[in-house]
């Protein structure tokens, strides 16, 4: 039940460029392909500069 409520809210926060944990704005980094972005609350995201979109990092992308 909680996933049904939290999923759309988290997707909306990411579309606004905000962290799903603390709500702070995520920095926009330049680069080619997916760029790693670390939030101050220790969550890790991947940023696609071409599409200007964020997503949560997968486990194999963290290392």
Protein backbone atom coordinates (compact mmCIF):
# COMPACT_ATOMS: atom_id res chain seq x y z
CA UNK A 1 0.00 0.00 0.00
CA UNK A 2 2.79 2.43 0.86
CA UNK A 3 4.53 1.82 -2.48
CA UNK A 4 1.36 2.90 -4.25
CA UNK A 5 1.44 6.17 -2.33
CA UNK A 6 5.17 6.88 -2.28
CA UNK A 7 6.04 5.90 -5.85
CA UNK A 8 4.30 8.83 -7.56
CA UNK A 9 5.62 11.30 -4.98
CA UNK A 10 9.20 10.10 -5.48
CA UNK A 11 8.81 10.24 -9.26
CA UNK A 12 7.52 13.82 -8.98
CA UNK A 13 10.44 14.84 -6.75
CA UNK A 14 12.96 13.37 -9.20
CA UNK A 15 11.25 15.13 -12.12
CA UNK A 16 11.72 18.40 -10.20
CA UNK A 17 15.42 17.60 -9.65
CA UNK A 18 15.04 17.04 -5.89
CA UNK A 19 16.25 14.25 -3.62
CA UNK A 20 13.56 11.76 -2.59
CA UNK A 21 15.03 11.54 0.93
CA UNK A 22 15.65 15.11 2.03
CA UNK A 23 14.01 17.21 -0.68
CA UNK A 24 17.10 19.28 -1.48
CA UNK A 25 17.87 20.29 -5.06
CA UNK A 26 20.31 17.94 -6.74
CA UNK A 27 23.30 19.51 -8.48
CA UNK A 28 23.41 19.52 -12.27
CA UNK A 29 26.68 18.01 -13.48
CA UNK A 30 28.14 18.08 -16.96
CA UNK A 31 29.57 15.05 -18.68
CA UNK A 32 28.88 12.41 -21.27
CA UNK A 33 26.47 9.59 -20.61
CA UNK A 34 25.17 9.00 -17.12
CA UNK A 35 26.87 11.10 -14.41
CA UNK A 36 26.93 10.12 -10.73
CA UNK A 37 25.39 12.65 -8.33
CA UNK A 38 25.70 12.29 -4.53
CA UNK A 39 23.23 14.01 -2.22
CA UNK A 40 24.16 15.31 1.23
CA UNK A 41 21.85 12.66 2.77
CA UNK A 42 24.04 9.90 1.22
CA UNK A 43 21.61 8.88 -1.54
CA UNK A 44 23.18 8.33 -4.95
CA UNK A 45 21.56 9.25 -8.25
CA UNK A 46 22.46 9.04 -11.91
CA UNK A 47 21.95 12.13 -14.08
CA UNK A 48 21.51 12.06 -17.85
CA UNK A 49 22.63 15.49 -19.16
CA UNK A 50 21.15 14.89 -22.63
CA UNK A 51 17.64 14.16 -21.29
CA UNK A 52 18.08 16.31 -18.14
CA UNK A 53 16.63 13.55 -15.94
CA UNK A 54 17.63 11.92 -12.66
CA UNK A 55 17.11 8.36 -11.48
CA UNK A 56 18.19 6.33 -8.46
CA UNK A 57 21.51 4.56 -8.97
CA UNK A 58 21.59 0.79 -9.30
CA UNK A 59 23.78 -1.29 -6.99
CA UNK A 60 26.39 -2.06 -9.67
CA UNK A 61 26.70 1.68 -10.48
CA UNK A 62 27.55 2.65 -6.91
CA UNK A 63 30.91 0.88 -6.75
